[in-house]
Amino acid sequence: MMNNEQIVEALKESGMRITRQRMIVADVIAENDGASCKDICCIVRGKDPSVGVATVYRMINVLEDIGVIERIDMIKHTRRNGDEG
């Protein structure tokens, strides 16, 4: 698991400026390993409502592109009544 300093360093190495909003997102991601993107958004906006949803998702995309995080989509199959399985 990465801490926020490692996330910030990876962002700097990729050429990104480190803004206050990006620091907040980095902190939340570092503290919430395994959280969904929606959860990250809610936590970030709870800390600072001025951080837009698009900012959070862009940051998540950048971190995924540079290999800092991995986004895993989960789908749960359910059995319908009467189906055998």
C-alpha atoms as a PDB file:
ATOM      1  CA  MET A   1       0.000   0.000   0.000  1.00  0.00           C
ATOM      2  CA  MET A   2       1.315   3.445  -0.916  1.00  0.00           C
ATOM      3  CA  ASN A   3       1.352   6.450   1.355  1.00  0.00           C
ATOM      4  CA  ASN A   4       0.501   9.947   0.192  1.00  0.00           C
ATOM      5  CA  GLU A   5       4.189  10.963  -0.129  1.00  0.00           C
ATOM      6  CA  GLN A   6       4.754   8.117  -2.599  1.00  0.00           C
ATOM      7  CA  ILE A   7       1.659   9.088  -4.560  1.00  0.00           C
ATOM      8  CA  VAL A   8       2.776  12.734  -4.703  1.00  0.00           C
ATOM      9  CA  GLU A   9       6.291  11.715  -5.790  1.00  0.00           C
ATOM     10  CA  ALA A  10       4.856   9.562  -8.593  1.00  0.00           C
ATOM     11  CA  LEU A  11       2.724  12.504  -9.737  1.00  0.00           C
ATOM     12  CA  LYS A  12       5.755  14.821  -9.742  1.00  0.00           C
ATOM     13  CA  GLU A  13       7.765  12.281 -11.730  1.00  0.00           C
ATOM     14  CA  SER A  14       4.977  12.159 -14.303  1.00  0.00           C
ATOM     15  CA  GLY A  15       5.196  15.957 -14.664  1.00  0.00           C
ATOM     16  CA  MET A  16       2.060  16.950 -12.779  1.00  0.00           C
ATOM     17  CA  ARG A  17       1.863  20.010 -10.577  1.00  0.00           C
ATOM     18  CA  ILE A  18       0.934  19.228  -7.005  1.00  0.00           C
ATOM     19  CA  THR A  19      -2.067  21.362  -6.141  1.00  0.00           C
ATOM     20  CA  ARG A  20      -3.912  21.527  -2.844  1.00  0.00           C
ATOM     21  CA  GLN A  21      -6.807  19.619  -4.378  1.00  0.00           C
ATOM     22  CA  ARG A  22      -4.511  16.880  -5.674  1.00  0.00           C
ATOM     23  CA  MET A  23      -2.947  16.597  -2.215  1.00  0.00           C
ATOM     24  CA  ILE A  24      -6.401  16.044  -0.701  1.00  0.00           C
ATOM     25  CA  VAL A  25      -7.211  13.348  -3.266  1.00  0.00           C
ATOM     26  CA  ALA A  26      -3.802  11.692  -2.708  1.00  0.00           C
ATOM     27  CA  ASP A  27      -4.380  11.661   1.060  1.00  0.00           C
ATOM     28  CA  VAL A  28      -7.832  10.102   0.685  1.00  0.00           C
ATOM     29  CA  ILE A  29      -6.589   7.446  -1.749  1.00  0.00           C
ATOM     30  CA  ALA A  30      -3.656   6.589   0.520  1.00  0.00           C
ATOM     31  CA  GLU A  31      -5.953   6.227   3.530  1.00  0.00           C
ATOM     32  CA  ASN A  32      -8.671   4.219   1.771  1.00  0.00           C
ATOM     33  CA  ASP A  33      -7.107   1.283  -0.038  1.00  0.00           C
ATOM     34  CA  GLY A  34      -9.826  -0.777  -1.683  1.00  0.00           C
ATOM     35  CA  ALA A  35     -12.414   2.018  -1.745  1.00  0.00           C
ATOM     36  CA  SER A  36     -14.542   2.539  -4.827  1.00  0.00           C
ATOM     37  CA  CYS A  37     -14.143   5.625  -6.999  1.00  0.00           C
ATOM     38  CA  LYS A  38     -17.530   6.810  -5.769  1.00  0.00           C
ATOM     39  CA  ASP A  39     -16.409   6.384  -2.143  1.00  0.00           C
ATOM     40  CA  ILE A  40     -13.191   8.315  -2.838  1.00  0.00           C
ATOM     41  CA  CYS A  41     -15.281  11.132  -4.353  1.00  0.00           C
ATOM     42  CA  CYS A  42     -17.599  11.261  -1.362  1.00  0.00           C
ATOM     43  CA  ILE A  43     -14.741  11.329   1.138  1.00  0.00           C
ATOM     44  CA  VAL A  44     -12.817  14.002  -0.805  1.00  0.00           C
ATOM     45  CA  ARG A  45     -15.910  16.193  -1.154  1.00  0.00           C
ATOM     46  CA  GLY A  46     -16.623  15.734   2.544  1.00  0.00           C
ATOM     47  CA  LYS A  47     -13.181  17.114   3.335  1.00  0.00           C
ATOM     48  CA  ASP A  48     -13.362  19.914   0.762  1.00  0.00           C
ATOM     49  CA  PRO A  49     -16.575  20.540  -1.214  1.00  0.00           C
ATOM     50  CA  SER A  50     -14.668  22.775  -3.648  1.00  0.00           C
ATOM     51  CA  VAL A  51     -12.977  19.698  -5.148  1.00  0.00           C
ATOM     52  CA  GLY A  52     -15.062  18.686  -8.142  1.00  0.00           C
ATOM     53  CA  VAL A  53     -16.023  15.140  -9.025  1.00  0.00           C
ATOM     54  CA  ALA A  54     -14.238  15.518 -12.382  1.00  0.00           C
ATOM     55  CA  THR A  55     -11.017  16.455 -10.550  1.00  0.00           C
ATOM     56  CA  VAL A  56     -11.202  13.301  -8.455  1.00  0.00           C
ATOM     57  CA  TYR A  57     -11.866  11.054 -11.448  1.00  0.00           C
ATOM     58  CA  ARG A  58      -9.089  12.687 -13.506  1.00  0.00           C
ATOM     59  CA  MET A  59      -6.671  12.104 -10.646  1.00  0.00           C
ATOM     60  CA  ILE A  60      -7.756   8.471 -10.344  1.00  0.00           C
ATOM     61  CA  ASN A  61      -7.251   8.035 -14.105  1.00  0.00           C
ATOM     62  CA  VAL A  62      -3.776   9.597 -13.980  1.00  0.00           C
ATOM     63  CA  LEU A  63      -2.750   7.434 -11.026  1.00  0.00           C
ATOM     64  CA  GLU A  64      -4.006   4.372 -12.855  1.00  0.00           C
ATOM     65  CA  ASP A  65      -2.149   5.378 -16.057  1.00  0.00           C
ATOM     66  CA  ILE A  66       1.167   5.806 -14.203  1.00  0.00           C
ATOM     67  CA  GLY A  67       0.729   2.523 -12.357  1.00  0.00           C
ATOM     68  CA  VAL A  68       0.210   3.839  -8.830  1.00  0.00           C
ATOM     69  CA  ILE A  69      -3.259   2.365  -8.389  1.00  0.00           C
ATOM     70  CA  GLU A  70      -5.252  -0.386 -10.002  1.00  0.00           C
ATOM     71  CA  ARG A  71      -8.945   0.011 -10.581  1.00  0.00           C
ATOM     72  CA  ILE A  72     -10.908  -3.216 -10.433  1.00  0.00           C
ATOM     73  CA  ASP A  73     -14.509  -3.331 -11.577  1.00  0.00           C
ATOM     74  CA  MET A  74     -16.536  -5.924  -9.788  1.00  0.00           C
ATOM     75  CA  ILE A  75     -19.630  -7.614 -11.091  1.00  0.00           C
ATOM     76  CA  LYS A  76     -21.623  -9.958  -8.942  1.00  0.00           C
ATOM     77  CA  HIS A  77     -23.751 -12.573 -10.642  1.00  0.00           C
ATOM     78  CA  THR A  78     -26.942 -13.599  -8.943  1.00  0.00           C
ATOM     79  CA  ARG A  79     -29.046 -16.588  -9.651  1.00  0.00           C
ATOM     80  CA  ARG A  80     -32.624 -15.903 -10.707  1.00  0.00           C
ATOM     81  CA  ASN A  81     -35.416 -17.913  -9.108  1.00  0.00           C
ATOM     82  CA  GLY A  82     -35.818 -21.235 -10.856  1.00  0.00           C
ATOM     83  CA  ASP A  83     -32.356 -21.208 -12.468  1.00  0.00           C
ATOM     84  CA  GLU A  84     -30.170 -24.188 -11.775  1.00  0.00           C
ATOM     85  CA  GLY A  85     -26.524 -23.637 -11.350  1.00  0.00           C
END
